[in-house]
Protein backbone atom coordinates (compact mmCIF):
# COMPACT_ATOMS: atom_id res chain seq x y z
CA MET A 1 -44.76 -162.09 -89.60
CA SER A 2 -44.98 -159.36 -87.00
CA LEU A 3 -48.06 -157.21 -86.65
CA LEU A 4 -46.01 -154.12 -87.47
CA LYS A 5 -44.77 -155.70 -90.72
CA LYS A 6 -48.32 -156.77 -91.66
CA LEU A 7 -49.57 -153.24 -91.03
CA SER A 8 -46.72 -151.73 -93.03
CA ASP A 9 -47.36 -154.09 -95.95
CA ALA A 10 -51.11 -153.42 -95.80
CA VAL A 11 -50.58 -149.64 -95.89
CA GLN A 12 -48.33 -150.05 -98.94
CA GLY A 13 -50.87 -152.37 -100.55
CA LYS A 14 -48.40 -155.24 -100.71
CA ALA A 15 -50.84 -157.81 -99.32
CA PRO A 16 -54.19 -157.71 -97.58
CA PHE A 17 -53.96 -157.59 -93.81
CA ASP A 18 -55.67 -160.96 -93.44
CA CYS A 19 -53.42 -162.90 -95.85
CA ASN A 20 -51.21 -165.39 -94.09
CA ARG A 21 -48.08 -166.76 -95.67
CA SER A 22 -47.40 -170.46 -95.80
CA PRO A 23 -44.89 -171.66 -93.20
CA LYS A 24 -42.83 -172.81 -96.22
CA TRP A 25 -42.67 -169.30 -97.75
CA GLN A 26 -39.44 -168.16 -96.07
CA LYS A 27 -37.57 -171.27 -97.24
CA ILE A 28 -38.92 -170.92 -100.81
CA ARG A 29 -38.01 -167.21 -100.79
CA ASN A 30 -34.47 -167.87 -99.54
CA ASN A 31 -33.92 -170.66 -102.08
CA HIS A 32 -35.20 -168.43 -104.88
CA LEU A 33 -32.77 -165.68 -103.88
CA LYS A 34 -29.85 -168.14 -103.87
CA VAL A 35 -30.55 -168.98 -107.52
CA TYR A 36 -31.84 -165.59 -108.71
CA ASN A 37 -29.59 -163.38 -106.64
CA LYS A 38 -29.89 -160.13 -108.55
CA CYS A 39 -32.68 -157.86 -109.70
CA GLU A 40 -34.05 -159.13 -113.00
CA ALA A 41 -34.58 -155.55 -114.20
CA CYS A 42 -31.45 -153.63 -113.23
CA GLY A 43 -28.99 -156.24 -111.98
CA SER A 44 -28.79 -154.84 -108.45
CA LEU A 45 -27.52 -157.17 -105.74
CA THR A 46 -29.05 -155.30 -102.80
CA GLN A 47 -32.48 -154.85 -101.24
CA LEU A 48 -33.91 -157.77 -103.20
CA GLU A 49 -37.56 -158.79 -103.04
CA VAL A 50 -39.17 -161.93 -104.38
CA HIS A 51 -42.16 -160.69 -106.33
CA HIS A 52 -45.16 -162.85 -107.19
CA ILE A 53 -45.97 -162.48 -110.89
CA LYS A 54 -49.58 -163.43 -110.20
CA PRO A 55 -50.34 -161.68 -106.89
CA PHE A 56 -50.37 -163.75 -103.73
CA HIS A 57 -53.61 -162.22 -102.46
CA ILE A 58 -55.44 -163.16 -105.68
CA HIS A 59 -53.69 -166.49 -106.35
CA PRO A 60 -52.66 -167.88 -102.93
CA GLU A 61 -52.34 -171.32 -104.52
CA LEU A 62 -49.31 -170.01 -106.48
CA GLU A 63 -47.51 -168.60 -103.43
CA LEU A 64 -44.83 -171.33 -103.45
CA ASP A 65 -44.70 -171.91 -107.23
CA GLN A 66 -41.20 -171.08 -108.49
CA ASN A 67 -42.65 -170.24 -111.92
CA ASN A 68 -44.63 -167.42 -110.29
CA LEU A 69 -41.62 -165.66 -108.76
CA ILE A 70 -39.27 -162.97 -110.03
CA THR A 71 -36.51 -161.10 -108.19
CA LEU A 72 -36.84 -157.31 -108.16
CA CYS A 73 -35.05 -154.74 -106.01
CA GLU A 74 -36.32 -152.10 -103.62
CA ASN A 75 -33.41 -149.70 -104.10
CA SER A 76 -33.23 -147.01 -106.71
CA SER A 77 -29.64 -147.43 -107.85
CA LYS A 78 -30.61 -146.79 -111.49
CA GLY A 79 -33.20 -144.15 -110.64
CA VAL A 80 -36.01 -146.71 -110.48
CA THR A 81 -37.31 -148.84 -107.61
CA CYS A 82 -37.80 -151.95 -109.73
CA HIS A 83 -40.19 -153.78 -107.40
CA LEU A 84 -42.51 -150.79 -107.22
CA PHE A 85 -42.13 -149.69 -110.86
CA PHE A 86 -42.12 -153.03 -112.71
CA GLY A 87 -43.94 -155.23 -110.23
CA HIS A 88 -46.66 -152.78 -109.24
CA LEU A 89 -46.73 -150.06 -111.92
CA GLY A 90 -45.79 -147.40 -109.36
CA ASP A 91 -48.53 -148.31 -106.86
CA TYR A 92 -48.26 -151.30 -104.50
CA LYS A 93 -52.03 -151.72 -104.73
CA LYS A 94 -51.68 -152.63 -108.43
CA ASP A 95 -50.18 -155.64 -110.11
CA ASN A 96 -48.43 -155.77 -113.45
CA GLN A 97 -49.61 -158.75 -115.50
CA SER A 98 -46.76 -158.18 -117.98
CA VAL A 99 -43.95 -157.83 -115.43
CA GLU A 100 -41.79 -160.47 -117.13
CA THR A 101 -42.11 -158.84 -120.57
CA ASP A 102 -41.50 -155.38 -119.13
CA VAL A 103 -38.38 -156.54 -117.26
CA VAL A 104 -36.91 -158.10 -120.41
CA TYR A 105 -37.64 -154.92 -122.40
CA TRP A 106 -36.14 -152.55 -119.82
CA LYS A 107 -33.24 -154.72 -118.71
CA GLY A 108 -31.07 -153.70 -121.63
CA LYS A 109 -31.85 -150.06 -121.03
CA LEU A 110 -31.06 -150.06 -117.30
CA ILE A 111 -27.94 -152.22 -117.19
C-alpha cells in the first residue's frame, strides 16, 4: 500500500497508520468481490469496498476471515454512501457492530 493511500485512509479513519495488511489480503478481497459482486445494502455494482464487520485494526486476526467481510459501496447512487453510512455510522472512525442487521433492514427500502 502506498504511503499516500495509508495517509488518506488514516485521515478518513479507515485504519490506523501503522496497521499493515496481510500479503494475502488483496487475493482474499478480489475473491470476495467475485462472489459478492454488489453492494449488500443498495445493490450497486460500482465503487465496491470489502468492509470488515469486526474492524481490522481491532481484530487483525479476522482480516482474512470470509465470515467477517461484507460488500458495501462508496457511491451514493441511492442517496447514501453505504460503506460510510452502514459500515461506519457516518464517520470512518466508528464501526457499526450491527452492520449486517442494518443492511438487511435497509436493503428492501433502498432497492
